[in-house]
Amino acid sequence: MVLKDVRAKVEQTWTTTKKLLAMMSVWGLIFSLVTIARLGAAFTYDDTLVHSGAAFDKAAGRVQLLRSPEYWKIVNNAYDLETPKILPYGLACALRAFGFRILILAERGGTGGDALKKEWRRLAPRGFVYVSDPEDLHLHLQDGRYVLFFGNGDRELLEAKKAGVYAVRVKRDKKAVSTGEYNPGQMGEFVLPLSEF
């Protein structure tokens, strides 16, 4: 009786070990292929990767001239008030774990933004870029082998399509700071469900 229990436990452990090794092998294969091909995924920052409304509110309350260098300095240093969006941030981490290079595109002025870049260095070691002109978004996507783009506005998705990158729409929440056109599903793109949280 004891021998049967031991044998059953050993077989169960061996089966679990084989399954774990098989999953690790699949992960290793995917990681190797993605890394060798140097594939990447890009995310816009505000209202896609994080809820940044509180940082913008802080800057608006302290500076009279919006979008000035002083304004951007306050916004870029108020990252402690920003919270990651659960699903897009989780996807970015998962893609990073599978070997994808992550590019974060912040559509804001870069004044005083070194601390914000440093905050995101683990997810995007060399891929946090300030894009002051939204029409130049596609230029950053053409630089690498990006296969996925996550954004929230219509213009952002058009810029990704212009660069030949598959675009996924992230939903905006009610307190979004992005002001551009927002028509989920109108362009035939995949809309990430539950991505507004």
Protein backbone atom coordinates (compact mmCIF):
# COMPACT_ATOMS: atom_id res chain seq x y z
CA MET A 1 0.00 0.00 0.00
CA VAL A 2 2.77 2.44 0.93
CA LEU A 3 4.75 1.39 -2.14
CA LYS A 4 1.76 2.13 -4.41
CA ASP A 5 1.36 5.60 -2.87
CA VAL A 6 5.05 6.35 -3.33
CA ARG A 7 4.97 5.09 -6.91
CA ALA A 8 1.87 7.23 -7.69
CA LYS A 9 3.51 10.30 -6.16
CA VAL A 10 6.72 9.75 -8.16
CA GLU A 11 4.76 9.30 -11.40
CA GLN A 12 2.74 12.45 -10.72
CA THR A 13 5.91 14.42 -9.99
CA TRP A 14 7.59 13.08 -13.14
CA THR A 15 4.53 13.98 -15.27
CA THR A 16 4.47 17.50 -13.83
CA THR A 17 8.21 17.85 -14.47
CA LYS A 18 7.80 16.76 -18.09
CA LYS A 19 5.01 19.27 -18.63
CA LEU A 20 7.09 22.03 -17.08
CA LEU A 21 10.10 21.16 -19.24
CA ALA A 22 7.90 21.12 -22.36
CA MET A 23 6.53 24.59 -21.54
CA MET A 24 10.05 25.89 -20.89
CA SER A 25 11.18 24.45 -24.24
CA VAL A 26 8.34 26.19 -26.08
CA TRP A 27 9.14 29.47 -24.29
CA GLY A 28 12.84 29.07 -25.14
CA LEU A 29 12.06 28.46 -28.80
CA ILE A 30 9.77 31.51 -29.04
CA PHE A 31 12.26 33.68 -27.12
CA SER A 32 15.10 32.57 -29.40
CA LEU A 33 13.19 33.23 -32.61
CA VAL A 34 11.94 36.64 -31.45
CA THR A 35 15.36 37.67 -30.17
CA ILE A 36 17.21 36.52 -33.28
CA ALA A 37 14.70 38.32 -35.52
CA ARG A 38 14.96 41.38 -33.20
CA LEU A 39 11.19 41.86 -33.20
CA GLY A 40 9.62 44.65 -31.19
CA ALA A 41 6.33 46.00 -29.89
CA ALA A 42 5.54 49.69 -29.37
CA PHE A 43 3.19 51.35 -26.89
CA THR A 44 2.13 54.95 -26.61
CA TYR A 45 2.48 56.16 -23.04
CA ASP A 46 -0.44 58.40 -22.02
CA ASP A 47 -3.83 56.65 -21.84
CA THR A 48 -2.39 53.49 -23.38
CA LEU A 49 0.22 52.20 -20.95
CA VAL A 50 -0.68 54.40 -17.96
CA HIS A 51 -3.44 56.56 -16.53
CA SER A 52 -1.64 59.90 -16.56
CA GLY A 53 -4.47 62.32 -15.84
CA ALA A 54 -3.25 63.13 -12.32
CA ALA A 55 0.19 64.22 -13.63
CA PHE A 56 -1.41 66.55 -16.18
CA ASP A 57 -3.78 67.95 -13.53
CA LYS A 58 -0.83 68.70 -11.26
CA ALA A 59 0.96 70.60 -14.03
CA ALA A 60 -2.18 72.49 -15.06
CA GLY A 61 -2.65 73.67 -11.48
CA ARG A 62 0.89 75.04 -11.19
CA VAL A 63 1.63 76.55 -14.61
CA GLN A 64 -0.44 79.11 -16.49
CA LEU A 65 1.00 78.42 -19.94
CA LEU A 66 0.07 74.89 -20.97
CA ARG A 67 2.50 72.86 -23.08
CA SER A 68 5.42 75.08 -22.10
CA PRO A 69 8.79 73.59 -21.07
CA GLU A 70 7.96 74.21 -17.40
CA TYR A 71 4.62 72.44 -17.87
CA TRP A 72 6.29 69.37 -19.40
CA LYS A 73 8.90 69.34 -16.65
CA ILE A 74 6.15 69.07 -14.01
CA VAL A 75 4.24 66.42 -15.99
CA ASN A 76 7.36 64.32 -16.62
CA ASN A 77 8.37 64.40 -12.95
CA ALA A 78 4.90 63.56 -11.61
CA TYR A 79 5.12 59.91 -12.70
CA ASP A 80 4.49 58.83 -9.11
CA LEU A 81 0.88 59.99 -9.63
CA GLU A 82 0.45 57.83 -12.73
CA THR A 83 -0.87 54.27 -12.50
CA PRO A 84 -0.26 51.52 -15.07
CA LYS A 85 -3.24 50.21 -16.98
CA ILE A 86 -3.57 46.57 -15.97
CA LEU A 87 -4.00 44.74 -19.28
CA PRO A 88 -1.69 46.83 -21.52
CA TYR A 89 1.06 46.85 -18.88
CA GLY A 90 0.68 43.10 -18.37
CA LEU A 91 0.89 42.55 -22.14
CA ALA A 92 4.02 44.69 -22.35
CA CYS A 93 5.66 42.64 -19.59
CA ALA A 94 4.62 39.37 -21.26
CA LEU A 95 5.96 40.48 -24.63
CA ARG A 96 9.22 41.52 -22.96
CA ALA A 97 9.42 38.06 -21.33
CA PHE A 98 9.09 36.48 -24.78
CA GLY A 99 12.02 38.52 -26.10
CA PHE A 100 10.30 41.45 -27.79
CA ARG A 101 12.04 44.83 -27.65
CA ILE A 102 9.60 47.29 -26.11
CA LEU A 103 9.37 50.87 -27.37
CA ILE A 104 7.41 53.44 -25.35
CA LEU A 105 6.40 56.58 -27.23
CA ALA A 106 5.44 59.51 -25.01
CA GLU A 107 3.62 62.16 -27.03
CA ARG A 108 4.77 65.06 -24.88
CA GLY A 109 7.67 67.42 -24.51
CA GLY A 110 10.84 65.85 -23.13
CA THR A 111 11.85 68.69 -20.78
CA GLY A 112 12.98 67.21 -17.47
CA GLY A 113 12.04 63.72 -18.57
CA ASP A 114 15.18 61.77 -17.68
CA ALA A 115 13.69 60.52 -14.42
CA LEU A 116 10.64 59.16 -16.27
CA LYS A 117 12.88 57.35 -18.75
CA LYS A 118 14.81 55.86 -15.85
CA GLU A 119 11.56 54.72 -14.21
CA TRP A 120 10.69 52.62 -17.28
CA ARG A 121 14.20 51.27 -17.97
CA ARG A 122 13.35 47.71 -16.91
CA LEU A 123 10.50 47.35 -19.38
CA ALA A 124 12.11 49.38 -22.16
CA PRO A 125 15.89 49.56 -21.54
CA ARG A 126 16.68 51.67 -24.59
CA GLY A 127 13.20 52.38 -25.85
CA PHE A 128 11.57 55.35 -24.17
CA VAL A 129 11.19 58.19 -26.67
CA TYR A 130 9.55 61.61 -26.41
CA VAL A 131 7.65 62.47 -29.59
CA SER A 132 6.87 66.17 -29.67
CA ASP A 133 5.30 66.09 -33.15
CA PRO A 134 2.56 63.42 -33.40
CA GLU A 135 3.01 63.27 -37.18
CA ASP A 136 6.52 61.82 -36.61
CA LEU A 137 5.24 58.76 -34.76
CA HIS A 138 5.60 56.50 -37.79
CA LEU A 139 9.27 57.45 -38.17
CA HIS A 140 10.09 55.84 -34.82
CA LEU A 141 8.19 52.69 -35.80
CA GLN A 142 10.10 52.39 -39.08
CA ASP A 143 13.45 52.38 -37.27
CA GLY A 144 13.11 48.85 -35.91
CA ARG A 145 11.40 45.59 -36.66
CA TYR A 146 8.21 46.40 -34.84
CA VAL A 147 5.35 43.99 -35.45
CA LEU A 148 2.81 45.29 -32.90
CA PHE A 149 1.69 48.76 -31.94
CA PHE A 150 -0.65 49.60 -29.05
CA GLY A 151 -2.28 53.03 -29.08
CA ASN A 152 -5.58 54.70 -28.23
CA GLY A 153 -6.19 57.48 -30.77
CA ASP A 154 -7.18 57.26 -34.43
CA ARG A 155 -4.17 59.29 -35.54
CA GLU A 156 -1.76 57.01 -33.65
CA LEU A 157 -3.22 53.93 -35.34
CA LEU A 158 -2.99 55.59 -38.75
CA GLU A 159 0.67 56.40 -38.08
CA ALA A 160 1.30 52.74 -37.19
CA LYS A 161 -0.41 51.57 -40.38
CA LYS A 162 1.69 54.07 -42.34
CA ALA A 163 4.77 52.35 -40.90
CA GLY A 164 3.40 48.90 -41.77
CA VAL A 165 2.92 47.81 -38.14
CA TYR A 166 -0.14 45.89 -36.92
CA ALA A 167 -2.13 48.28 -34.72
CA VAL A 168 -4.15 47.33 -31.62
CA ARG A 169 -6.47 49.86 -29.99
CA VAL A 170 -6.39 50.34 -26.22
CA LYS A 171 -9.56 51.86 -24.79
CA ARG A 172 -9.47 55.21 -23.04
CA ASP A 173 -10.94 55.67 -19.59
CA LYS A 174 -13.29 58.49 -18.59
CA LYS A 175 -10.45 60.70 -17.29
CA ALA A 176 -8.26 60.39 -20.39
CA VAL A 177 -5.91 63.26 -21.22
CA SER A 178 -5.64 62.41 -24.93
CA THR A 179 -7.71 64.76 -27.03
CA GLY A 180 -7.40 63.31 -30.52
CA GLU A 181 -10.08 61.48 -32.50
CA TYR A 182 -11.24 58.30 -30.76
CA ASN A 183 -13.48 55.89 -32.65
CA PRO A 184 -12.84 52.30 -31.47
CA GLY A 185 -13.34 49.69 -34.18
CA GLN A 186 -14.01 52.20 -36.98
CA MET A 187 -10.72 51.47 -38.73
CA GLY A 188 -11.05 47.70 -38.62
CA GLU A 189 -8.45 47.39 -35.87
CA PHE A 190 -8.53 44.94 -33.00
CA VAL A 191 -9.84 46.63 -29.85
CA LEU A 192 -8.31 45.24 -26.66
CA PRO A 193 -11.19 44.36 -24.32
CA LEU A 194 -11.13 45.64 -20.72
CA SER A 195 -8.14 47.83 -21.54
CA GLU A 196 -9.65 51.01 -20.12
CA PHE A 197 -8.85 49.90 -16.55
